[in-house]
Amino acid sequence: MAEKKKGKLGLMLTTSTESENTHTVIKLAEAALEEGLEVSIFLMCDGVYNMSVEPLNALAERGARLSLCAHNADERKLEKKGPILFGSQYDLADIVAESDSFLAFN
């Protein structure tokens, strides 16, 4: 019997911390992880401000892959901290290509 392939969910967040999108992305990621999916989250534009949101960072401890656009973080004078990879649009392209489902929250 063939082993069932684990699904992959990609999420992109471009809005800042006061948006309801932050809560939605966190809850979707939590539910996906509980279902055994691999989860990747990419932050860009004002979404990079979410790098300091503790519930988002806690997702990394549960296995989610977190990355952001280093260029956008640099524009906003944000320093690297936490479990988030400071990456590029190349990392976003990888997430999109590898995901079975990809959702963008703008």
N, C-alpha and C. Protein backbone atom coordinates (compact mmCIF):
# COMPACT_ATOMS: atom_id res chain seq x y z
N MET A 1 0.85 -1.18 0.00
CA MET A 1 0.00 0.00 0.00
C MET A 1 0.89 1.24 0.00
N ALA A 2 0.59 2.17 -0.88
CA ALA A 2 1.38 3.40 -0.99
C ALA A 2 1.04 4.34 0.17
N GLU A 3 2.08 5.01 0.65
CA GLU A 3 1.88 5.98 1.73
C GLU A 3 1.24 7.24 1.16
N LYS A 4 0.27 7.77 1.88
CA LYS A 4 -0.43 8.98 1.44
C LYS A 4 0.52 10.18 1.53
N LYS A 5 0.55 10.96 0.44
CA LYS A 5 1.40 12.15 0.40
C LYS A 5 0.83 13.22 1.33
N LYS A 6 1.71 13.84 2.09
CA LYS A 6 1.31 14.93 2.98
C LYS A 6 1.06 16.18 2.13
N GLY A 7 -0.07 16.84 2.32
CA GLY A 7 -0.39 18.04 1.58
C GLY A 7 0.42 19.24 2.06
N LYS A 8 0.51 20.24 1.20
CA LYS A 8 1.27 21.45 1.53
C LYS A 8 0.40 22.68 1.31
N LEU A 9 0.36 23.52 2.32
CA LEU A 9 -0.39 24.77 2.26
C LEU A 9 0.58 25.94 2.32
N GLY A 10 0.45 26.85 1.36
CA GLY A 10 1.25 28.06 1.35
C GLY A 10 0.36 29.26 1.64
N LEU A 11 0.83 30.16 2.49
CA LEU A 11 0.09 31.37 2.85
C LEU A 11 0.99 32.58 2.69
N MET A 12 0.43 33.65 2.14
CA MET A 12 1.16 34.91 2.04
C MET A 12 0.35 35.98 2.76
N LEU A 13 1.02 36.77 3.57
CA LEU A 13 0.38 37.83 4.34
C LEU A 13 1.07 39.15 4.03
N THR A 14 0.29 40.11 3.50
CA THR A 14 0.87 41.40 3.12
C THR A 14 0.35 42.56 3.97
N THR A 15 -0.53 42.27 4.91
CA THR A 15 -1.13 43.33 5.73
C THR A 15 -0.51 43.34 7.11
N SER A 16 -0.54 44.49 7.78
CA SER A 16 0.11 44.64 9.08
C SER A 16 -0.72 44.01 10.20
N THR A 17 -0.19 44.10 11.38
CA THR A 17 -0.71 43.36 12.54
C THR A 17 -2.14 43.71 12.93
N GLU A 18 -2.61 44.93 12.63
CA GLU A 18 -3.96 45.29 13.05
C GLU A 18 -5.04 44.72 12.13
N SER A 19 -4.65 44.15 11.01
CA SER A 19 -5.61 43.56 10.08
C SER A 19 -6.13 42.23 10.62
N GLU A 20 -7.39 41.94 10.31
CA GLU A 20 -7.95 40.64 10.68
C GLU A 20 -7.27 39.50 9.94
N ASN A 21 -6.53 39.84 8.87
CA ASN A 21 -5.81 38.81 8.12
C ASN A 21 -4.78 38.07 8.97
N THR A 22 -4.16 38.77 9.91
CA THR A 22 -3.18 38.12 10.78
C THR A 22 -3.82 36.98 11.54
N HIS A 23 -4.95 37.25 12.18
CA HIS A 23 -5.67 36.23 12.94
C HIS A 23 -6.09 35.08 12.01
N THR A 24 -6.59 35.41 10.83
CA THR A 24 -7.06 34.39 9.89
C THR A 24 -5.92 33.48 9.46
N VAL A 25 -4.77 34.05 9.12
CA VAL A 25 -3.62 33.25 8.71
C VAL A 25 -3.16 32.33 9.84
N ILE A 26 -3.11 32.85 11.04
CA ILE A 26 -2.69 32.03 12.19
C ILE A 26 -3.65 30.87 12.40
N LYS A 27 -4.94 31.14 12.37
CA LYS A 27 -5.93 30.08 12.60
C LYS A 27 -5.94 29.05 11.48
N LEU A 28 -5.80 29.50 10.23
CA LEU A 28 -5.71 28.55 9.11
C LEU A 28 -4.47 27.67 9.24
N ALA A 29 -3.35 28.28 9.58
CA ALA A 29 -2.12 27.52 9.73
C ALA A 29 -2.23 26.51 10.88
N GLU A 30 -2.80 26.93 11.99
CA GLU A 30 -2.98 26.00 13.12
C GLU A 30 -3.83 24.80 12.71
N ALA A 31 -4.94 25.07 12.02
CA ALA A 31 -5.83 23.98 11.59
C ALA A 31 -5.13 23.06 10.60
N ALA A 32 -4.38 23.63 9.68
CA ALA A 32 -3.66 22.82 8.69
C ALA A 32 -2.61 21.94 9.37
N LEU A 33 -1.88 22.50 10.32
CA LEU A 33 -0.88 21.71 11.04
C LEU A 33 -1.54 20.57 11.82
N GLU A 34 -2.70 20.84 12.42
CA GLU A 34 -3.43 19.80 13.15
C GLU A 34 -3.87 18.67 12.23
N GLU A 35 -4.12 19.00 10.96
CA GLU A 35 -4.53 17.99 9.97
C GLU A 35 -3.33 17.29 9.34
N GLY A 36 -2.13 17.66 9.75
CA GLY A 36 -0.93 17.01 9.24
C GLY A 36 -0.37 17.61 7.97
N LEU A 37 -0.83 18.78 7.58
CA LEU A 37 -0.31 19.43 6.39
C LEU A 37 1.02 20.13 6.70
N GLU A 38 1.85 20.26 5.69
CA GLU A 38 3.03 21.10 5.80
C GLU A 38 2.57 22.53 5.51
N VAL A 39 3.03 23.48 6.32
CA VAL A 39 2.60 24.87 6.18
C VAL A 39 3.81 25.78 6.00
N SER A 40 3.71 26.65 4.99
CA SER A 40 4.73 27.69 4.75
C SER A 40 4.02 29.03 4.71
N ILE A 41 4.58 30.00 5.43
CA ILE A 41 3.99 31.35 5.48
C ILE A 41 5.06 32.34 5.04
N PHE A 42 4.67 33.23 4.12
CA PHE A 42 5.58 34.26 3.64
C PHE A 42 4.98 35.62 3.94
N LEU A 43 5.77 36.50 4.57
CA LEU A 43 5.35 37.86 4.90
C LEU A 43 6.03 38.84 3.95
N MET A 44 5.25 39.77 3.42
CA MET A 44 5.85 40.81 2.58
C MET A 44 5.04 42.08 2.70
N CYS A 45 5.55 43.16 2.13
CA CYS A 45 4.95 44.49 2.26
C CYS A 45 4.77 44.77 3.76
N ASP A 46 3.62 45.33 4.17
CA ASP A 46 3.41 45.60 5.60
C ASP A 46 3.25 44.32 6.42
N GLY A 47 3.10 43.19 5.75
CA GLY A 47 3.02 41.92 6.46
C GLY A 47 4.26 41.59 7.26
N VAL A 48 5.40 42.21 6.92
CA VAL A 48 6.63 41.93 7.66
C VAL A 48 6.52 42.37 9.12
N TYR A 49 5.61 43.30 9.42
CA TYR A 49 5.42 43.72 10.82
C TYR A 49 4.91 42.57 11.68
N ASN A 50 4.35 41.55 11.07
CA ASN A 50 3.83 40.39 11.80
C ASN A 50 4.94 39.50 12.35
N MET A 51 6.19 39.79 12.01
CA MET A 51 7.28 38.95 12.51
C MET A 51 7.39 38.98 14.03
N SER A 52 6.78 39.97 14.67
CA SER A 52 6.84 40.07 16.13
C SER A 52 5.57 39.54 16.80
N VAL A 53 4.65 39.00 16.04
CA VAL A 53 3.40 38.47 16.59
C VAL A 53 3.68 37.07 17.15
N GLU A 54 3.56 36.92 18.46
CA GLU A 54 3.94 35.67 19.12
C GLU A 54 3.17 34.44 18.61
N PRO A 55 1.84 34.51 18.45
CA PRO A 55 1.15 33.32 17.94
C PRO A 55 1.65 32.88 16.56
N LEU A 56 2.09 33.83 15.74
CA LEU A 56 2.65 33.48 14.44
C LEU A 56 4.00 32.78 14.62
N ASN A 57 4.84 33.33 15.47
CA ASN A 57 6.14 32.71 15.74
C ASN A 57 5.99 31.32 16.35
N ALA A 58 4.96 31.13 17.16
CA ALA A 58 4.73 29.82 17.78
C ALA A 58 4.44 28.75 16.74
N LEU A 59 3.96 29.14 15.58
CA LEU A 59 3.70 28.17 14.52
C LEU A 59 4.99 27.48 14.06
N ALA A 60 6.10 28.18 14.14
CA ALA A 60 7.39 27.58 13.76
C ALA A 60 7.73 26.41 14.69
N GLU A 61 7.40 26.54 15.95
CA GLU A 61 7.65 25.47 16.91
C GLU A 61 6.79 24.24 16.61
N ARG A 62 5.69 24.46 15.91
CA ARG A 62 4.79 23.36 15.55
C ARG A 62 5.10 22.82 14.16
N GLY A 63 6.14 23.37 13.51
CA GLY A 63 6.57 22.82 12.23
C GLY A 63 6.34 23.69 11.02
N ALA A 64 5.69 24.83 11.18
CA ALA A 64 5.48 25.72 10.03
C ALA A 64 6.79 26.37 9.62
N ARG A 65 6.93 26.60 8.33
CA ARG A 65 8.10 27.29 7.79
C ARG A 65 7.72 28.76 7.59
N LEU A 66 8.42 29.66 8.28
CA LEU A 66 8.12 31.10 8.22
C LEU A 66 9.25 31.83 7.52
N SER A 67 8.89 32.68 6.57
CA SER A 67 9.90 33.49 5.90
C SER A 67 9.28 34.83 5.52
N LEU A 68 10.16 35.79 5.24
CA LEU A 68 9.67 37.11 4.85
C LEU A 68 10.60 37.72 3.82
N CYS A 69 10.13 38.79 3.22
CA CYS A 69 10.92 39.52 2.24
C CYS A 69 11.88 40.44 2.99
N ALA A 70 13.16 40.11 2.95
CA ALA A 70 14.17 40.89 3.66
C ALA A 70 14.21 42.33 3.15
N HIS A 71 13.96 42.53 1.86
CA HIS A 71 13.96 43.88 1.30
C HIS A 71 12.87 44.72 1.96
N ASN A 72 11.66 44.14 2.09
CA ASN A 72 10.56 44.88 2.74
C ASN A 72 10.86 45.16 4.20
N ALA A 73 11.49 44.21 4.89
CA ALA A 73 11.85 44.42 6.30
C ALA A 73 12.91 45.52 6.43
N ASP A 74 13.87 45.51 5.53
CA ASP A 74 14.91 46.53 5.54
C ASP A 74 14.31 47.92 5.28
N GLU A 75 13.39 48.01 4.34
CA GLU A 75 12.73 49.29 4.06
C GLU A 75 12.03 49.86 5.30
N ARG A 76 11.54 48.96 6.16
CA ARG A 76 10.80 49.36 7.35
C ARG A 76 11.69 49.37 8.60
N LYS A 77 13.00 49.23 8.40
CA LYS A 77 14.00 49.29 9.48
C LYS A 77 13.78 48.22 10.56
N LEU A 78 13.33 47.03 10.14
CA LEU A 78 13.10 45.93 11.07
C LEU A 78 14.34 45.07 11.15
N GLU A 79 14.70 44.68 12.37
CA GLU A 79 15.87 43.84 12.58
C GLU A 79 15.47 42.38 12.64
N LYS A 80 16.38 41.54 12.21
CA LYS A 80 16.14 40.10 12.23
C LYS A 80 16.01 39.60 13.66
N LYS A 81 14.93 38.85 13.89
CA LYS A 81 14.73 38.22 15.20
C LYS A 81 13.72 37.09 15.03
N GLY A 82 13.72 36.20 15.98
CA GLY A 82 12.77 35.11 15.96
C GLY A 82 13.10 34.04 14.92
N PRO A 83 12.16 33.13 14.72
CA PRO A 83 12.41 31.97 13.86
C PRO A 83 12.18 32.22 12.37
N ILE A 84 11.98 33.46 11.97
CA ILE A 84 11.61 33.75 10.59
C ILE A 84 12.86 33.92 9.72
N LEU A 85 12.87 33.22 8.59
CA LEU A 85 13.94 33.35 7.61
C LEU A 85 13.79 34.66 6.87
N PHE A 86 14.84 35.44 6.82
CA PHE A 86 14.85 36.66 6.02
C PHE A 86 15.24 36.23 4.61
N GLY A 87 14.27 36.19 3.73
CA GLY A 87 14.48 35.68 2.39
C GLY A 87 14.16 36.70 1.33
N SER A 88 13.66 36.19 0.21
CA SER A 88 13.41 37.03 -0.96
C SER A 88 12.19 36.51 -1.71
N GLN A 89 11.91 37.15 -2.83
CA GLN A 89 10.81 36.71 -3.68
C GLN A 89 11.07 35.30 -4.22
N TYR A 90 12.32 34.91 -4.27
CA TYR A 90 12.65 33.54 -4.67
C TYR A 90 12.04 32.54 -3.69
N ASP A 91 12.10 32.86 -2.39
CA ASP A 91 11.50 31.97 -1.38
C ASP A 91 9.99 31.89 -1.57
N LEU A 92 9.38 33.03 -1.89
CA LEU A 92 7.94 33.03 -2.16
C LEU A 92 7.63 32.16 -3.37
N ALA A 93 8.42 32.28 -4.42
CA ALA A 93 8.19 31.47 -5.61
C ALA A 93 8.30 29.98 -5.29
N ASP A 94 9.24 29.60 -4.44
CA ASP A 94 9.37 28.20 -4.01
C ASP A 94 8.12 27.74 -3.27
N ILE A 95 7.62 28.58 -2.38
CA ILE A 95 6.41 28.22 -1.62
C ILE A 95 5.25 28.00 -2.58
N VAL A 96 5.06 28.91 -3.52
CA VAL A 96 3.96 28.79 -4.49
C VAL A 96 4.12 27.50 -5.30
N ALA A 97 5.32 27.23 -5.78
CA ALA A 97 5.56 26.06 -6.62
C ALA A 97 5.36 24.75 -5.86
N GLU A 98 5.72 24.73 -4.57
CA GLU A 98 5.65 23.50 -3.78
C GLU A 98 4.28 23.26 -3.16
N SER A 99 3.44 24.26 -3.09
CA SER A 99 2.16 24.14 -2.38
C SER A 99 1.08 23.49 -3.23
N ASP A 100 0.27 22.67 -2.57
CA ASP A 100 -0.93 22.13 -3.21
C ASP A 100 -2.00 23.20 -3.26
N SER A 101 -2.04 24.03 -2.23
CA SER A 101 -2.96 25.16 -2.17
C SER A 101 -2.18 26.36 -1.67
N PHE A 102 -2.45 27.53 -2.27
CA PHE A 102 -1.78 28.76 -1.88
C PHE A 102 -2.82 29.86 -1.74
N LEU A 103 -2.79 30.54 -0.60
CA LEU A 103 -3.73 31.62 -0.32
C LEU A 103 -2.97 32.90 -0.01
N ALA A 104 -3.40 33.99 -0.62
CA ALA A 104 -2.79 35.30 -0.38
C ALA A 104 -3.77 36.18 0.38
N PHE A 105 -3.29 36.80 1.45
CA PHE A 105 -4.10 37.70 2.26
C PHE A 105 -3.53 39.09 2.12
N ASN A 106 -4.26 39.93 1.36
CA ASN A 106 -3.81 41.28 1.02
C ASN A 106 -4.71 42.32 1.64
